[in-house]
Protein backbone atom coordinates (compact mmCIF):
# COMPACT_ATOMS: atom_id res chain seq x y z
CA UNK A 1 64.41 181.90 -3.49
CA UNK A 2 60.65 181.83 -1.93
CA UNK A 3 57.61 180.36 -2.55
CA UNK A 4 55.25 183.63 -1.83
CA UNK A 5 56.19 187.32 -1.53
CA UNK A 6 53.53 189.48 -0.24
CA UNK A 7 53.38 193.32 -0.77
CA UNK A 8 51.10 195.95 0.36
CA UNK A 9 51.65 199.14 -0.93
CA UNK A 10 51.12 203.02 0.13
CA UNK A 11 48.51 205.20 -0.33
CA UNK A 12 48.86 207.86 -2.55
CA UNK A 13 48.94 210.91 0.08
CA UNK A 14 51.14 211.02 2.42
CA UNK A 15 47.96 212.52 4.29
CA UNK A 16 46.63 209.31 4.41
CA UNK A 17 49.08 207.99 6.90
CA UNK A 18 48.07 209.83 10.02
CA UNK A 19 47.76 209.06 13.47
CA UNK A 20 44.00 208.02 12.65
CA UNK A 21 44.98 205.58 9.88
CA UNK A 22 46.46 203.29 12.67
CA UNK A 23 49.52 202.62 11.28
CA UNK A 24 49.79 198.78 11.61
CA UNK A 25 51.05 195.66 9.86
CA UNK A 26 49.08 194.21 7.64
CA UNK A 27 46.53 191.79 9.22
CA UNK A 28 45.15 190.58 5.87
CA UNK A 29 48.65 189.34 4.99
CA UNK A 30 49.59 188.59 7.95
CA UNK A 31 46.57 185.86 8.01
CA UNK A 32 47.48 184.25 4.62
CA UNK A 33 51.09 184.09 5.18
CA UNK A 34 50.84 182.41 8.52
CA UNK A 35 48.10 180.12 6.55
CA UNK A 36 50.92 178.72 3.74
CA UNK A 37 53.53 178.56 6.26
CA UNK A 38 51.12 175.35 7.80
CA UNK A 39 50.82 174.56 4.82
CA UNK A 40 54.29 174.23 3.76
CA UNK A 41 55.26 177.41 1.54
CA UNK A 42 57.90 179.55 2.14
CA UNK A 43 56.38 183.16 2.46
CA UNK A 44 57.96 186.32 2.74
CA UNK A 45 56.76 189.74 3.00
CA UNK A 46 57.03 193.89 2.83
CA UNK A 47 54.89 196.96 3.93
CA UNK A 48 55.79 199.83 1.78
CA UNK A 49 53.33 202.03 3.89
CA UNK A 50 56.08 202.14 6.20
CA UNK A 51 59.02 202.35 3.83
CA UNK A 52 61.10 205.51 3.55
CA UNK A 53 61.68 204.56 -0.03
CA UNK A 54 58.70 202.61 -1.30
CA UNK A 55 59.82 201.28 -4.59
CA UNK A 56 63.62 200.75 -4.63
CA UNK A 57 62.83 198.38 -1.46
CA UNK A 58 59.86 197.11 -3.50
CA UNK A 59 62.56 196.10 -5.89
CA UNK A 60 65.75 195.20 -3.53
CA UNK A 61 63.16 192.91 -1.92
CA UNK A 62 62.02 190.91 -5.12
CA UNK A 63 65.63 190.70 -6.20
CA UNK A 64 65.94 189.22 -2.53
CA UNK A 65 63.54 187.03 -2.41
CA UNK A 66 62.92 185.83 -5.80
CA UNK A 67 59.18 184.60 -5.82
CA UNK A 68 57.67 182.58 -7.42
CA UNK A 69 54.07 183.98 -6.80
CA UNK A 70 54.20 187.75 -5.87
CA UNK A 71 50.82 189.16 -3.73
CA UNK A 72 49.44 192.85 -3.36
CA UNK A 73 47.00 193.64 -1.01
CA UNK A 74 44.60 196.58 -2.85
CA UNK A 75 42.34 199.34 -1.52
CA UNK A 76 40.44 201.88 -3.47
CA UNK A 77 42.66 204.74 -3.32
CA UNK A 78 45.82 202.56 -4.28
CA UNK A 79 44.52 200.92 -7.18
CA UNK A 80 45.92 203.32 -10.05
CA UNK A 81 49.19 202.78 -7.64
CA UNK A 82 49.43 199.06 -7.09
CA UNK A 83 48.49 198.67 -10.55
CA UNK A 84 51.78 200.88 -11.91
CA UNK A 85 54.24 199.89 -9.25
CA UNK A 86 52.90 195.81 -10.24
CA UNK A 87 53.92 197.24 -13.94
CA UNK A 88 57.13 198.09 -12.43
CA UNK A 89 57.65 194.25 -10.43
CA UNK A 90 57.10 192.39 -13.67
CA UNK A 91 59.77 194.17 -15.16
CA UNK A 92 61.84 192.68 -11.96
CA UNK A 93 60.15 189.31 -12.20
CA UNK A 94 59.02 188.49 -15.48
CA UNK A 95 57.90 185.40 -14.90
CA UNK A 96 56.60 185.80 -11.37
CA UNK A 97 53.13 184.61 -10.90
CA UNK A 98 50.74 188.46 -10.16
CA UNK A 99 47.85 187.75 -6.91
CA UNK A 100 45.32 190.27 -6.06
CA UNK A 101 43.39 190.45 -2.63
CA UNK A 102 41.72 193.42 -0.96
CA UNK A 103 37.86 194.99 -0.68
CA UNK A 104 38.77 196.84 -4.29
CA UNK A 105 39.36 193.77 -6.14
CA UNK A 106 36.76 192.19 -4.33
CA UNK A 107 34.42 193.79 -6.93
CA UNK A 108 36.30 194.99 -9.71
CA UNK A 109 38.30 192.16 -10.67
CA UNK A 110 37.65 192.15 -13.65
CA UNK A 111 39.49 195.22 -14.73
CA UNK A 112 42.43 193.88 -12.15
CA UNK A 113 42.56 190.84 -14.20
CA UNK A 114 42.83 192.78 -17.77
CA UNK A 115 43.51 196.32 -16.93
CA UNK A 116 46.10 195.69 -14.30
CA UNK A 117 47.47 192.47 -15.38
CA UNK A 118 47.22 190.19 -12.45
CA UNK A 119 46.76 186.57 -13.07
CA UNK A 120 44.73 185.64 -9.85
CA UNK A 121 42.28 187.81 -7.97
CA UNK A 122 40.52 186.37 -4.35
CA UNK A 123 37.24 187.63 -3.65
CA UNK A 124 36.92 188.61 -0.42
CA UNK A 125 38.15 186.00 2.80
CA UNK A 126 41.62 184.04 0.96
CA UNK A 127 43.10 182.01 3.96
CA UNK A 128 41.68 178.76 2.41
CA UNK A 129 41.49 179.24 -1.26
CA UNK A 130 44.95 181.03 -1.12
CA UNK A 131 46.70 177.83 -0.23
CA UNK A 132 44.46 176.00 -2.85
CA UNK A 133 45.88 178.41 -5.62
CA UNK A 134 49.27 178.03 -4.33
CA UNK A 135 49.23 174.16 -4.30
CA UNK A 136 47.88 174.35 -7.89
CA UNK A 137 50.30 176.78 -8.99
CA UNK A 138 53.42 175.44 -7.20
CA UNK A 139 52.70 172.06 -6.64
CA UNK A 140 50.60 171.00 -9.22
CA UNK A 141 47.72 169.57 -7.34
CA UNK A 142 44.14 170.49 -8.53
CA UNK A 143 43.02 173.41 -10.86
CA UNK A 144 41.64 176.41 -10.33
CA UNK A 145 38.69 176.50 -11.87
CA UNK A 146 37.49 174.09 -8.90
CA UNK A 147 38.52 176.34 -6.21
CA UNK A 148 35.92 178.94 -4.89
CA UNK A 149 36.01 182.61 -4.13
CA UNK A 150 38.68 183.32 -6.86
CA UNK A 151 38.44 185.44 -10.74
CA UNK A 152 41.38 184.30 -13.60
CA UNK A 153 41.61 184.46 -17.57
CA UNK A 154 41.48 181.62 -19.38
CA UNK A 155 44.53 181.15 -21.79
CA UNK A 156 42.21 182.07 -25.04
CA UNK A 157 40.91 185.25 -22.16
CA UNK A 158 37.87 183.60 -20.59
CA UNK A 159 37.09 185.18 -17.92
CA UNK A 160 36.81 182.97 -14.67
CA UNK A 161 34.68 183.32 -11.72
CA UNK A 162 34.46 180.92 -9.19
CA UNK A 163 31.40 180.38 -7.20
CA UNK A 164 31.34 182.17 -4.27
CA UNK A 165 33.34 181.02 -1.29
CA UNK A 166 31.67 179.92 1.66
CA UNK A 167 32.92 182.03 4.79
CA UNK A 168 35.13 180.33 7.47
CA UNK A 169 32.70 180.18 10.45
CA UNK A 170 35.08 178.99 13.03
CA UNK A 171 37.31 182.09 13.50
CA UNK A 172 39.73 180.24 16.35
CA UNK A 173 40.62 177.81 13.91
CA UNK A 174 42.68 180.26 11.84
CA UNK A 175 46.52 180.81 13.09
CA UNK A 176 47.32 184.00 14.29
CA UNK A 177 48.86 186.81 11.51
CA UNK A 178 52.44 186.32 11.20
CA UNK A 179 53.70 189.50 12.50
CA UNK A 180 57.06 188.35 12.74
CA UNK A 181 57.44 189.35 8.58
CA UNK A 182 57.37 193.02 9.94
CA UNK A 183 59.27 195.24 11.40
CA UNK A 184 56.78 195.94 14.45
CA UNK A 185 58.86 198.64 16.19
CA UNK A 186 58.22 201.12 12.29
CA UNK A 187 54.09 201.01 13.44
CA UNK A 188 52.55 203.04 15.39
CA UNK A 189 49.91 200.72 16.57
CA UNK A 190 51.37 197.42 16.23
CA UNK A 191 48.76 196.01 18.44
CA UNK A 192 45.93 195.50 15.77
CA UNK A 193 43.59 191.99 16.61
CA UNK A 194 40.59 191.35 14.52
CA UNK A 195 38.21 189.51 17.00
CA UNK A 196 35.48 189.34 14.78
CA UNK A 197 34.32 189.54 10.94
CA UNK A 198 31.54 191.42 9.31
CA UNK A 199 28.60 193.17 10.77
CA UNK A 200 24.97 192.84 11.37
CA UNK A 201 24.47 196.32 10.52
CA UNK A 202 23.34 197.98 6.88
CA UNK A 203 24.75 200.82 6.93
CA UNK A 204 24.86 201.70 3.36
CA UNK A 205 28.31 203.54 3.24
CA UNK A 206 30.01 200.31 4.52
CA UNK A 207 30.71 197.60 2.28
CA UNK A 208 30.41 194.87 5.03
CA UNK A 209 26.49 195.60 5.42
CA UNK A 210 25.87 193.87 1.68
CA UNK A 211 27.36 190.61 3.56
CA UNK A 212 24.03 187.85 4.44
CA UNK A 213 25.20 185.91 7.72
CA UNK A 214 28.45 187.44 7.51
CA UNK A 215 29.14 188.21 11.31
CA UNK A 216 31.10 185.70 12.90
CA UNK A 217 33.55 186.40 16.13
CA UNK A 218 36.59 184.58 18.25
CA UNK A 219 36.14 183.31 21.61
CA UNK A 220 37.39 184.99 24.13
CA UNK A 221 40.03 182.84 24.88
CA UNK A 222 41.72 183.05 21.44
CA UNK A 223 41.49 186.52 21.62
CA UNK A 224 43.11 186.74 24.49
CA UNK A 225 45.69 184.75 23.37
CA UNK A 226 46.75 186.48 20.97
CA UNK A 227 47.28 189.41 23.09
CA UNK A 228 49.24 187.38 25.64
CA UNK A 229 51.51 186.37 22.47
CA UNK A 230 51.79 189.97 21.40
CA UNK A 231 52.62 190.77 24.97
CA UNK A 232 55.27 188.05 25.17
CA UNK A 233 56.62 188.35 21.76
CA UNK A 234 57.34 191.77 21.21
CA UNK A 235 56.41 193.28 24.12
CA UNK A 236 53.36 194.89 22.48
CA UNK A 237 51.04 196.77 25.38
CA UNK A 238 48.87 198.58 23.37
CA UNK A 239 45.99 197.34 21.60
CA UNK A 240 43.30 198.03 19.37
CA UNK A 241 40.19 196.09 17.95
CA UNK A 242 39.52 196.64 14.14
CA UNK A 243 36.33 194.96 14.37
CA UNK A 244 33.48 197.03 12.94
CA UNK A 245 31.60 196.81 16.22
CA UNK A 246 33.23 194.98 19.08
CA UNK A 247 30.92 195.39 21.64
CA UNK A 248 27.95 193.82 18.93
CA UNK A 249 27.94 190.98 21.21
CA UNK A 250 28.19 192.44 25.08
CA UNK A 251 28.95 189.32 26.77
CA UNK A 252 31.91 188.15 24.93
CA UNK A 253 33.47 191.78 25.07
CA UNK A 254 33.04 192.04 28.86
CA UNK A 255 34.53 188.48 28.94
CA UNK A 256 37.84 190.19 27.36
CA UNK A 257 37.67 192.91 29.34
CA UNK A 258 37.75 190.40 32.40
CA UNK A 259 40.44 188.22 30.98
CA UNK A 260 43.02 191.26 30.67
CA UNK A 261 41.75 192.24 34.24
CA UNK A 262 42.06 189.29 35.51
CA UNK A 263 45.80 188.71 34.07
CA UNK A 264 47.15 191.33 35.40
CA UNK A 265 48.98 191.91 32.29
CA UNK A 266 49.61 195.86 32.10
CA UNK A 267 48.47 196.43 28.46
CA UNK A 268 45.64 198.90 27.19
CA UNK A 269 43.28 198.88 24.31
CA UNK A 270 40.39 200.65 22.34
CA UNK A 271 37.45 199.35 19.60
CA UNK A 272 34.77 200.49 18.31
CA UNK A 273 30.85 199.93 19.27
CA UNK A 274 27.42 202.20 19.02
CA UNK A 275 25.67 204.97 20.80
CA UNK A 276 22.96 203.19 21.19
CA UNK A 277 24.99 199.86 22.74
CA UNK A 278 26.37 202.06 25.33
CA UNK A 279 25.15 201.32 29.52
CA UNK A 280 27.19 202.44 32.66
CA UNK A 281 27.58 199.05 33.04
CA UNK A 282 28.86 197.26 29.72
CA UNK A 283 31.49 200.72 30.08
CA UNK A 284 32.45 199.78 33.33
CA UNK A 285 33.36 196.49 33.20
CA UNK A 286 35.30 197.46 29.57
CA UNK A 287 37.24 199.93 31.22
CA UNK A 288 38.32 197.88 34.49
CA UNK A 289 39.56 195.92 31.86
CA UNK A 290 41.87 198.88 31.13
CA UNK A 291 39.52 200.09 27.77
CA UNK A 292 40.63 203.79 27.67
CA UNK A 293 38.79 204.90 24.52
CA UNK A 294 35.66 204.36 22.80
CA UNK A 295 35.14 204.85 18.59
CA UNK A 296 31.67 205.82 17.94
CA UNK A 297 30.00 206.07 14.72
CA UNK A 298 27.43 209.37 14.99
CA UNK A 299 27.48 210.48 11.09
CA UNK A 300 24.90 212.98 11.07
CA UNK A 301 22.98 215.41 13.80
CA UNK A 302 20.56 215.21 11.17
CA UNK A 303 17.83 212.31 12.30
CA UNK A 304 16.41 211.96 8.46
CA UNK A 305 19.68 211.45 7.36
CA UNK A 306 20.87 209.36 9.81
CA UNK A 307 17.53 206.77 9.07
CA UNK A 308 18.13 207.15 5.11
CA UNK A 309 21.45 205.66 5.52
CA UNK A 310 20.17 202.98 7.79
CA UNK A 311 22.34 204.23 11.15
CA UNK A 312 19.22 204.54 13.15
CA UNK A 313 20.34 205.86 16.54
CA UNK A 314 18.88 209.03 18.29
CA UNK A 315 21.13 212.32 18.91
CA UNK A 316 20.17 211.96 22.69
CA UNK A 317 22.18 208.73 22.96
CA UNK A 318 25.06 210.25 21.06
CA UNK A 319 25.27 213.09 24.31
CA UNK A 320 24.31 210.42 27.00
CA UNK A 321 27.11 208.22 25.75
CA UNK A 322 29.39 210.95 25.99
CA UNK A 323 28.05 212.12 29.57
CA UNK A 324 28.61 207.53 30.75
CA UNK A 325 31.87 207.26 29.11
CA UNK A 326 33.71 210.68 29.98
CA UNK A 327 32.52 209.86 33.79
CA UNK A 328 34.80 206.37 33.46
CA UNK A 329 37.80 208.30 32.62
CA UNK A 330 37.90 207.07 29.48
CA UNK A 331 37.72 209.01 25.81
CA UNK A 332 34.84 208.55 23.66
CA UNK A 333 35.36 209.38 19.77
CA UNK A 334 32.84 210.35 17.60
CA UNK A 335 33.15 210.56 13.77
CA UNK A 336 30.78 212.33 11.86
CA UNK A 337 30.11 212.43 7.72
CA UNK A 338 29.33 215.20 5.39
CA UNK A 339 28.53 214.40 2.05
CA UNK A 340 25.15 212.05 2.41
CA UNK A 341 22.57 212.00 -0.33
CA UNK A 342 19.97 213.40 1.91
CA UNK A 343 22.03 216.01 3.31
CA UNK A 344 21.72 219.99 3.20
CA UNK A 345 23.35 223.27 4.09
CA UNK A 346 21.58 223.04 6.80
CA UNK A 347 21.38 219.85 7.91
CA UNK A 348 25.49 219.69 7.50
CA UNK A 349 25.36 222.95 9.70
CA UNK A 350 23.87 221.07 12.21
CA UNK A 351 26.33 217.76 12.00
CA UNK A 352 29.26 220.13 12.60
CA UNK A 353 27.66 222.26 15.39
CA UNK A 354 26.87 218.59 17.39
CA UNK A 355 30.54 217.95 16.77
CA UNK A 356 31.80 220.88 18.08
CA UNK A 357 29.48 220.46 21.32
CA UNK A 358 31.25 216.89 22.12
CA UNK A 359 34.44 218.06 21.28
CA UNK A 360 33.95 220.85 24.03
CA UNK A 361 32.69 218.31 26.34
CA UNK A 362 36.19 216.55 25.86
CA UNK A 363 35.78 213.97 22.87
CA UNK A 364 37.66 213.73 20.30
CA UNK A 365 36.07 214.00 16.65
CA UNK A 366 36.85 213.25 13.14
CA UNK A 367 34.80 214.73 10.00
CA UNK A 368 34.56 212.93 7.10
CA UNK A 369 32.76 213.25 3.88
CA UNK A 370 30.93 210.11 2.54
CA UNK A 371 32.71 208.27 0.19
CA UNK A 372 30.48 205.67 -2.25
CA UNK A 373 33.22 202.90 -2.03
CA UNK A 374 32.46 200.00 -4.78
CA UNK A 375 30.23 197.20 -3.28
CA UNK A 376 28.69 199.64 -0.81
CA UNK A 377 24.89 200.05 -0.86
CA UNK A 378 25.53 203.72 -2.22
CA UNK A 379 27.59 202.84 -5.21
CA UNK A 380 25.33 200.31 -6.33
CA UNK A 381 22.53 202.76 -5.59
CA UNK A 382 23.34 205.80 -7.30
CA UNK A 383 20.62 206.55 -9.27
CA UNK A 384 18.42 205.52 -6.43
CA UNK A 385 20.28 208.26 -4.56
CA UNK A 386 20.51 210.92 -6.39
CA UNK A 387 23.99 210.94 -6.84
CA UNK A 388 26.32 212.42 -9.40
CA UNK A 389 29.60 210.91 -10.01
CA UNK A 390 31.96 213.82 -10.70
CA UNK A 391 35.41 211.26 -10.59
CA UNK A 392 36.45 208.37 -11.99
CA UNK A 393 39.59 208.07 -10.39
CA UNK A 394 39.96 206.04 -7.76
CA UNK A 395 43.09 208.19 -6.28
CA UNK A 396 40.13 210.06 -5.34
CA UNK A 397 37.73 207.87 -3.17
CA UNK A 398 39.47 208.84 0.56
CA UNK A 399 37.53 210.02 3.39
CA UNK A 400 39.06 213.37 3.06
CA UNK A 401 38.10 214.18 -0.22
CA UNK A 402 34.58 214.55 -2.23
CA UNK A 403 33.62 212.58 -4.86
CA UNK A 404 29.75 213.36 -5.92
CA UNK A 405 27.80 216.31 -6.17
CA UNK A 406 23.81 215.84 -5.56
CA UNK A 407 20.48 217.84 -5.87
CA UNK A 408 21.30 219.67 -2.53
CA UNK A 409 24.80 220.02 -3.23
CA UNK A 410 28.10 220.47 -5.68
CA UNK A 411 31.19 219.17 -4.64
CA UNK A 412 33.23 221.87 -4.33
CA UNK A 413 30.96 223.11 -1.64
CA UNK A 414 31.55 219.44 0.23
CA UNK A 415 35.68 220.62 0.10
CA UNK A 416 34.96 223.92 1.51
CA UNK A 417 32.76 223.00 4.36
CA UNK A 418 35.31 220.18 5.56
CA UNK A 419 37.97 222.77 4.94
CA UNK A 420 36.54 225.87 7.26
CA UNK A 421 35.59 223.56 9.70
CA UNK A 422 39.07 221.84 10.23
CA UNK A 423 40.26 225.45 9.90
CA UNK A 424 37.79 226.76 12.24
CA UNK A 425 39.13 224.17 15.13
CA UNK A 426 42.68 225.38 14.36
CA UNK A 427 41.95 228.75 15.34
CA UNK A 428 39.87 227.46 18.32
CA UNK A 429 42.74 225.78 19.61
CA UNK A 430 45.13 228.49 18.66
CA UNK A 431 43.13 230.81 20.80
CA UNK A 432 42.70 228.69 23.95
CA UNK A 433 39.05 228.20 23.22
CA UNK A 434 39.60 224.52 23.07
CA UNK A 435 42.73 222.06 24.28
CA UNK A 436 44.34 220.35 21.02
CA UNK A 437 44.07 216.51 22.09
CA UNK A 438 47.46 214.98 21.44
CA UNK A 439 47.98 213.03 18.75
CA UNK A 440 48.62 209.55 21.25
CA UNK A 441 45.87 208.96 22.24
CA UNK A 442 46.42 207.28 25.56
CA UNK A 443 48.01 211.12 26.59
CA UNK A 444 43.82 212.96 26.06
CA UNK A 445 42.93 212.43 29.28
CA UNK A 446 45.96 211.74 32.24
CA UNK A 447 45.53 208.75 34.25
CA UNK A 448 43.22 205.91 33.72
CA UNK A 449 41.16 205.27 36.45
CA UNK A 450 42.85 202.25 37.34
CA UNK A 451 46.07 203.53 37.30
CA UNK A 452 47.48 202.19 33.99
CA UNK A 453 48.73 204.87 31.47
CA UNK A 454 50.09 202.81 28.44
CA UNK A 455 53.49 204.50 27.16
CA UNK A 456 53.97 206.65 23.91
CA UNK A 457 55.73 205.35 21.21
CA UNK A 458 59.24 206.86 20.39
CA UNK A 459 59.51 206.07 17.01
CA UNK A 460 56.26 207.92 15.19
CA UNK A 461 57.06 208.28 11.62
CA UNK A 462 57.08 211.61 9.51
CA UNK A 463 54.53 211.13 6.80
CA UNK A 464 56.53 213.16 4.68
CA UNK A 465 59.25 210.22 4.57
CA UNK A 466 56.79 208.47 2.47
CA UNK A 467 58.05 210.39 -0.63
CA UNK A 468 60.31 208.81 -3.32
CA UNK A 469 62.98 211.23 -4.15
CA UNK A 470 63.46 211.89 -8.09
CA UNK A 471 66.29 210.40 -9.89
CA UNK A 472 68.54 211.31 -12.47
CA UNK A 473 67.38 209.70 -15.89
CA UNK A 474 68.71 210.33 -19.13
CA UNK A 475 65.41 210.15 -20.85
CA UNK A 476 63.24 212.39 -19.24
CA UNK A 477 60.20 211.17 -20.68
CA UNK A 478 60.05 208.05 -19.18
CA UNK A 479 58.51 209.06 -15.52
CA UNK A 480 55.86 206.97 -14.14
CA UNK A 481 53.40 209.61 -12.53
CA UNK A 482 52.37 208.33 -9.28
CA UNK A 483 50.52 210.83 -7.08
CA UNK A 484 52.70 212.39 -4.86
CA UNK A 485 55.08 209.52 -5.96
CA UNK A 486 56.96 210.22 -8.63
CA UNK A 487 59.01 208.11 -10.36
CA UNK A 488 61.76 207.50 -12.13
CA UNK A 489 61.50 204.17 -14.32
CA UNK A 490 65.21 203.98 -15.46
CA UNK A 491 66.43 204.57 -12.25
CA UNK A 492 64.68 201.62 -10.39
CA UNK A 493 66.39 198.94 -13.47
CA UNK A 494 69.45 197.43 -12.48
CA UNK A 495 72.21 196.81 -14.79
CA UNK A 496 72.38 193.37 -13.57
CA UNK A 497 69.05 191.73 -13.06
CA UNK A 498 68.22 188.65 -10.70
CA UNK A 499 65.27 186.60 -12.80
CA UNK A 500 62.25 185.71 -10.51
């Protein structure tokens, strides 16, 4: 029996498990597990996103660990799926306390408590509050109502949301995530690192823009220490900085690159920046430290749309950034969106045209649909932006799926536009007009300027393996229908259950 067992659910669709989903150990759970361990609690974890049979594996995991507390990390698109997983988990462990955390429930905490059946919801960052809650529930130390940053129901059903917790300013004080809880060799991108939190920018489609004074960063020494630890412990030599904008603090970014270069470690990495942050000197400094790819959000080719989404960049900065990065032998990866409330068929056509121009120059591109995730300024201002939601199903809230209509376009128009662009790209590649960029980013452009070429992983998963085979049941009517996953409830129940 362990004190806590964390469960990271899969997303509903195998399409979400692509090269661009950055299949890596869940950092959030890793941080919580490390903090709880340091506080003397025993912890186990399972990532169902890399499981071939998620539900049976979850049941086996719970039978083996028999946790006193089970914690789930939720995204918007897997909220309903996780709710159903929780019901199955409670069949196995009826007396186990259930926690919920993640960006979705940080805003939709009341439904998570009343509708889904969680006992405690953590609001935003939870490294310290998770330890305090565990101490209350497992050791009887203190009371939940005195812990900031959580929500729960009293015995009489009264909703309690405690005051907002002040964000930890000293990120160097946090331990490295407990990656040893996961099978590192099952991930396409095991080397994810969060070197900063928050974002000083105000893009309306991003939840990070709603936090005041929330941008904080780790020291270069602390970040490099984690890189060295992962390389020495697991042989990880390819890293992705998951920061909203890694180059917000240019001097810090340069120092990290310098430390990697001077260490001589054979590691490569990539990060997110902005086109207006790209300068020849900064990019040269990053490249000299084995950076091989820069991701940059462009979103639109229409300046009016860009300004209204509070992105505040110029199109000439996009072309300039592409030239600088490509000339250094790195690869720029530009991300675009269609379907902003102020978009029109004309502006979306211009966006797709710019995206094709970047591809022809050798850049990578990614096209998504603007999505009003809970907590974002876009979601909170639907009426202000003239948006009509066409679905209340959270499983529809994916970058690849339109969720609303505006005065300028209907939902189905967006779906057709994205499909037609994907089809046109495929046809251009098949006709030899464009080179098909390999799925592994480090194969997109031959040898790195300094001689380093990260290796290609040999264990890339087939997204189709996320499907769970249906099993025979004497009562076919008792089927829990999850999108993509169809699970016979009775087939998951064992004749002998171990109480948790």
